């Protein structure tokens, strides 16, 4: 039995040796891990205190090689949900939601991140008279690591009704159609329906650890840790 406990101790020390620093959550899981190269890895809880009149906040999510990945949730210091953002390659990607202090939805944004290892994209050039008709494809370099792409909607927090709707195509605002919610083809040949399918397919490209973390923590208000004074 003595040798068995010694073996467990060695396993524990070996697991901790791969991290430069970390904290332990109330369930015994390691959070805020920093690897030996100084990169943030895995689940993190970040706290930002109030400073010079700017409100503080807390957010939790997942890091991969020092970059945000997957779903991140932001809370006020009083515990109210302020935002749900999605990241890829450390940049906003996909649907992002923002709330007021009463947790009423006030804005939904749509973003598209670019792989820093391949900053090029194929864009469809459509017929101005018939947006559904694609004339040709062009390869362009994406200048920004994340661009507005898709539908942005602004809500009345009291009624939940859409007050304003915009469609962005690679950081360019599309001319308003008669029906803003119509299934109109975008410049890349996608429609809201096909874009949703593409986004669902793209989410499967996330690291397995991120998908498991998001599934495990979906719907949770926040993650408690023993020492809540962790900087970001």
Protein backbone atom coordinates (compact mmCIF):
# COMPACT_ATOMS: atom_id res chain seq x y z
CA UNK A 1 0.00 0.00 0.00
CA UNK A 2 2.85 2.39 0.79
CA UNK A 3 4.27 1.91 -2.71
CA UNK A 4 0.82 2.47 -4.25
CA UNK A 5 0.48 5.93 -2.65
CA UNK A 6 4.03 6.77 -3.67
CA UNK A 7 3.11 5.90 -7.26
CA UNK A 8 0.05 8.20 -7.12
CA UNK A 9 2.20 11.03 -5.78
CA UNK A 10 4.66 10.59 -8.63
CA UNK A 11 1.83 10.67 -11.15
CA UNK A 12 0.51 13.90 -9.61
CA UNK A 13 3.91 15.57 -9.64
CA UNK A 14 4.45 14.48 -13.25
CA UNK A 15 1.12 15.96 -14.34
CA UNK A 16 1.91 19.28 -12.66
CA UNK A 17 5.41 19.40 -14.10
CA UNK A 18 4.06 20.15 -17.58
CA UNK A 19 2.59 23.47 -16.36
CA UNK A 20 4.54 26.57 -15.42
CA UNK A 21 1.58 27.71 -13.32
CA UNK A 22 -2.10 26.92 -12.74
CA UNK A 23 -4.89 27.21 -10.16
CA UNK A 24 -7.21 24.52 -8.80
CA UNK A 25 -11.01 24.76 -9.14
CA UNK A 26 -13.47 23.69 -6.46
CA UNK A 27 -13.91 20.35 -8.25
CA UNK A 28 -10.18 19.74 -8.23
CA UNK A 29 -9.66 20.51 -11.92
CA UNK A 30 -6.71 22.64 -13.03
CA UNK A 31 -7.57 26.05 -14.48
CA UNK A 32 -5.57 28.98 -15.84
CA UNK A 33 -2.78 26.72 -17.02
CA UNK A 34 0.40 28.21 -18.43
CA UNK A 35 2.69 25.75 -20.20
CA UNK A 36 6.47 25.69 -20.02
CA UNK A 37 6.64 27.98 -23.08
CA UNK A 38 4.54 30.60 -21.28
CA UNK A 39 1.37 29.97 -23.35
CA UNK A 40 -2.14 29.84 -21.90
CA UNK A 41 -3.73 26.42 -22.38
CA UNK A 42 -7.09 24.85 -21.56
CA UNK A 43 -9.94 26.27 -19.44
CA UNK A 44 -9.41 29.74 -18.03
CA UNK A 45 -11.22 32.16 -15.75
CA UNK A 46 -10.18 35.78 -16.29
CA UNK A 47 -11.05 38.63 -13.93
CA UNK A 48 -10.66 42.30 -14.83
CA UNK A 49 -11.24 44.74 -11.92
CA UNK A 50 -12.84 48.16 -12.21
CA UNK A 51 -10.33 50.79 -13.35
CA UNK A 52 -10.71 54.55 -13.84
CA UNK A 53 -14.48 54.38 -14.13
CA UNK A 54 -14.44 51.37 -16.47
CA UNK A 55 -16.58 48.53 -15.20
CA UNK A 56 -14.84 45.30 -14.33
CA UNK A 57 -15.93 41.88 -15.57
CA UNK A 58 -15.18 38.17 -15.43
CA UNK A 59 -15.06 35.78 -18.38
CA UNK A 60 -14.43 32.09 -18.82
CA UNK A 61 -13.50 30.01 -21.84
CA UNK A 62 -10.74 27.97 -23.43
CA UNK A 63 -7.24 28.81 -24.67
CA UNK A 64 -5.26 26.90 -27.29
CA UNK A 65 -1.63 27.98 -27.61
CA UNK A 66 -2.29 31.38 -26.01
CA UNK A 67 -5.32 32.12 -28.25
CA UNK A 68 -9.00 32.11 -27.37
CA UNK A 69 -10.87 29.19 -28.94
CA UNK A 70 -14.55 28.32 -28.92
CA UNK A 71 -17.22 29.73 -26.63
CA UNK A 72 -16.38 32.50 -24.13
CA UNK A 73 -18.91 33.93 -21.66
CA UNK A 74 -18.51 37.31 -19.97
CA UNK A 75 -20.19 38.34 -16.69
CA UNK A 76 -20.40 41.49 -14.64
CA UNK A 77 -18.70 41.36 -11.24
CA UNK A 78 -22.21 40.91 -9.82
CA UNK A 79 -22.68 37.71 -11.86
CA UNK A 80 -24.94 39.02 -14.66
CA UNK A 81 -24.28 37.61 -18.13
CA UNK A 82 -23.04 40.34 -20.47
CA UNK A 83 -21.84 38.51 -23.58
CA UNK A 84 -21.42 35.15 -25.28
CA UNK A 85 -18.67 35.23 -27.91
CA UNK A 86 -17.17 32.60 -30.18
CA UNK A 87 -13.51 32.55 -31.17
CA UNK A 88 -11.25 30.82 -33.67
CA UNK A 89 -7.51 31.37 -33.99
CA UNK A 90 -7.86 33.96 -31.21
CA UNK A 91 -10.35 36.10 -33.17
CA UNK A 92 -14.12 36.50 -33.09
CA UNK A 93 -15.76 33.95 -35.37
CA UNK A 94 -19.45 33.20 -35.83
CA UNK A 95 -22.33 34.37 -33.64
CA UNK A 96 -21.68 36.76 -30.74
CA UNK A 97 -24.44 37.87 -28.36
CA UNK A 98 -24.53 40.91 -26.06
CA UNK A 99 -26.84 41.63 -23.12
CA UNK A 100 -27.72 44.49 -20.79
CA UNK A 101 -27.47 44.34 -16.98
CA UNK A 102 -30.86 42.59 -16.83
CA UNK A 103 -29.54 39.88 -19.19
CA UNK A 104 -31.88 41.04 -21.97
CA UNK A 105 -30.50 40.45 -25.46
CA UNK A 106 -29.61 43.77 -27.13
CA UNK A 107 -27.38 42.81 -30.08
CA UNK A 108 -26.31 39.80 -32.14
CA UNK A 109 -23.18 40.06 -34.28
CA UNK A 110 -21.71 37.72 -36.89
CA UNK A 111 -17.96 37.49 -37.52
CA UNK A 112 -15.59 35.55 -39.71
CA UNK A 113 -12.03 34.81 -38.59
CA UNK A 114 -9.11 34.15 -40.92
CA UNK A 115 -6.50 31.45 -40.48
CA UNK A 116 -3.27 33.40 -39.87
CA UNK A 117 -1.35 30.66 -41.70
CA UNK A 118 -3.48 31.18 -44.82
CA UNK A 119 -4.75 34.80 -44.98
CA UNK A 120 -6.49 34.33 -48.34
CA UNK A 121 -10.12 33.75 -49.20
CA UNK A 122 -12.08 32.84 -52.31
CA UNK A 123 -14.83 35.35 -52.98
CA UNK A 124 -17.64 34.97 -55.49
CA UNK A 125 -18.29 37.95 -57.80
CA UNK A 126 -22.03 38.13 -58.40
CA UNK A 127 -24.11 39.73 -61.13
CA UNK A 128 -25.27 43.18 -59.87
CA UNK A 129 -28.65 42.65 -61.55
CA UNK A 130 -29.04 39.12 -60.20
CA UNK A 131 -27.27 38.58 -56.85
CA UNK A 132 -28.04 34.86 -57.04
CA UNK A 133 -25.94 34.50 -60.21
CA UNK A 134 -22.17 34.05 -59.71
CA UNK A 135 -20.02 35.47 -62.51
CA UNK A 136 -16.59 34.28 -61.32
CA UNK A 137 -14.45 33.58 -58.28
CA UNK A 138 -11.47 35.67 -57.14
CA UNK A 139 -8.78 34.92 -54.56
CA UNK A 140 -8.23 37.91 -52.28
CA UNK A 141 -5.99 38.54 -49.30
CA UNK A 142 -7.89 39.21 -46.09
CA UNK A 143 -6.35 42.24 -44.43
CA UNK A 144 -8.08 41.92 -41.05
CA UNK A 145 -7.84 38.80 -38.87
CA UNK A 146 -11.59 39.00 -38.20
CA UNK A 147 -14.26 40.72 -40.29
CA UNK A 148 -17.98 41.40 -39.99
CA UNK A 149 -19.70 38.71 -42.03
CA UNK A 150 -23.36 37.74 -41.84
CA UNK A 151 -26.41 39.24 -40.20
CA UNK A 152 -26.21 41.78 -37.38
CA UNK A 153 -29.42 42.44 -35.45
CA UNK A 154 -30.24 45.01 -32.77
CA UNK A 155 -33.06 44.28 -30.31
CA UNK A 156 -35.42 46.23 -28.10
CA UNK A 157 -34.52 44.74 -24.70
CA UNK A 158 -38.04 45.36 -23.39
CA UNK A 159 -39.97 43.53 -26.13
CA UNK A 160 -37.30 41.39 -27.78
CA UNK A 161 -38.29 42.75 -31.20
CA UNK A 162 -35.67 43.43 -33.87
CA UNK A 163 -35.21 47.19 -34.19
CA UNK A 164 -32.51 47.14 -36.86
CA UNK A 165 -30.99 44.49 -39.12
CA UNK A 166 -27.84 44.62 -41.25
CA UNK A 167 -26.10 42.18 -43.55
CA UNK A 168 -22.32 42.33 -43.75
CA UNK A 169 -20.20 40.62 -46.40
CA UNK A 170 -16.50 40.52 -45.56
CA UNK A 171 -16.64 43.84 -43.64
CA UNK A 172 -18.82 45.54 -46.26
CA UNK A 173 -22.39 46.54 -45.48
CA UNK A 174 -24.83 45.07 -48.00
CA UNK A 175 -27.47 47.39 -49.44
CA UNK A 176 -30.72 46.95 -47.56
CA UNK A 177 -33.22 44.67 -49.29
CA UNK A 178 -37.02 45.05 -49.16
CA UNK A 179 -37.08 42.06 -46.83
CA UNK A 180 -34.03 42.07 -44.58
CA UNK A 181 -34.72 38.52 -43.47
CA UNK A 182 -35.08 37.10 -46.98
CA UNK A 183 -32.90 34.15 -47.99
CA UNK A 184 -30.70 36.26 -50.29
CA UNK A 185 -27.40 34.93 -51.61
CA UNK A 186 -24.34 36.73 -50.29
CA UNK A 187 -21.21 37.64 -52.22
CA UNK A 188 -19.57 34.33 -51.31
CA UNK A 189 -22.51 32.40 -52.70
CA UNK A 190 -23.99 31.54 -49.30
CA UNK A 191 -27.44 32.24 -47.89
CA UNK A 192 -28.36 32.49 -44.20
CA UNK A 193 -29.42 28.83 -44.31
CA UNK A 194 -26.30 27.55 -46.05
CA UNK A 195 -24.09 29.77 -43.91
CA UNK A 196 -25.61 28.17 -40.79
CA UNK A 197 -24.81 24.70 -42.16
CA UNK A 198 -21.26 25.79 -42.98
CA UNK A 199 -20.82 27.25 -39.48
CA UNK A 200 -22.06 24.00 -37.90
CA UNK A 201 -19.64 22.03 -40.05
CA UNK A 202 -16.79 24.41 -39.16
CA UNK A 203 -17.47 24.00 -35.45
CA UNK A 204 -16.55 20.35 -35.81
CA UNK A 205 -13.03 21.48 -36.70
CA UNK A 206 -12.49 22.72 -33.14
CA UNK A 207 -10.05 20.73 -31.02
CA UNK A 208 -11.72 17.83 -29.23
CA UNK A 209 -10.77 19.32 -25.84
CA UNK A 210 -12.62 22.56 -26.69
CA UNK A 211 -15.77 20.73 -27.82
CA UNK A 212 -15.76 18.63 -24.64
CA UNK A 213 -15.23 21.75 -22.45
CA UNK A 214 -18.06 23.68 -24.18
CA UNK A 215 -20.45 20.73 -23.85
CA UNK A 216 -19.56 20.26 -20.18
CA UNK A 217 -20.04 23.95 -19.29
CA UNK A 218 -22.99 24.83 -21.55
CA UNK A 219 -25.64 26.73 -19.59
CA UNK A 220 -23.53 27.16 -16.48
CA UNK A 221 -23.59 30.63 -14.96
CA UNK A 222 -19.88 30.71 -14.12
CA UNK A 223 -17.00 28.57 -12.97
CA UNK A 224 -15.93 28.95 -9.35
CA UNK A 225 -12.27 28.74 -8.35
CA UNK A 226 -10.53 28.80 -5.02
CA UNK A 227 -8.65 32.03 -5.58
CA UNK A 228 -10.77 34.37 -7.67
CA UNK A 229 -8.00 36.91 -8.20
CA UNK A 230 -6.65 35.70 -11.52
CA UNK A 231 -5.51 38.25 -14.07
CA UNK A 232 -5.99 37.93 -17.85
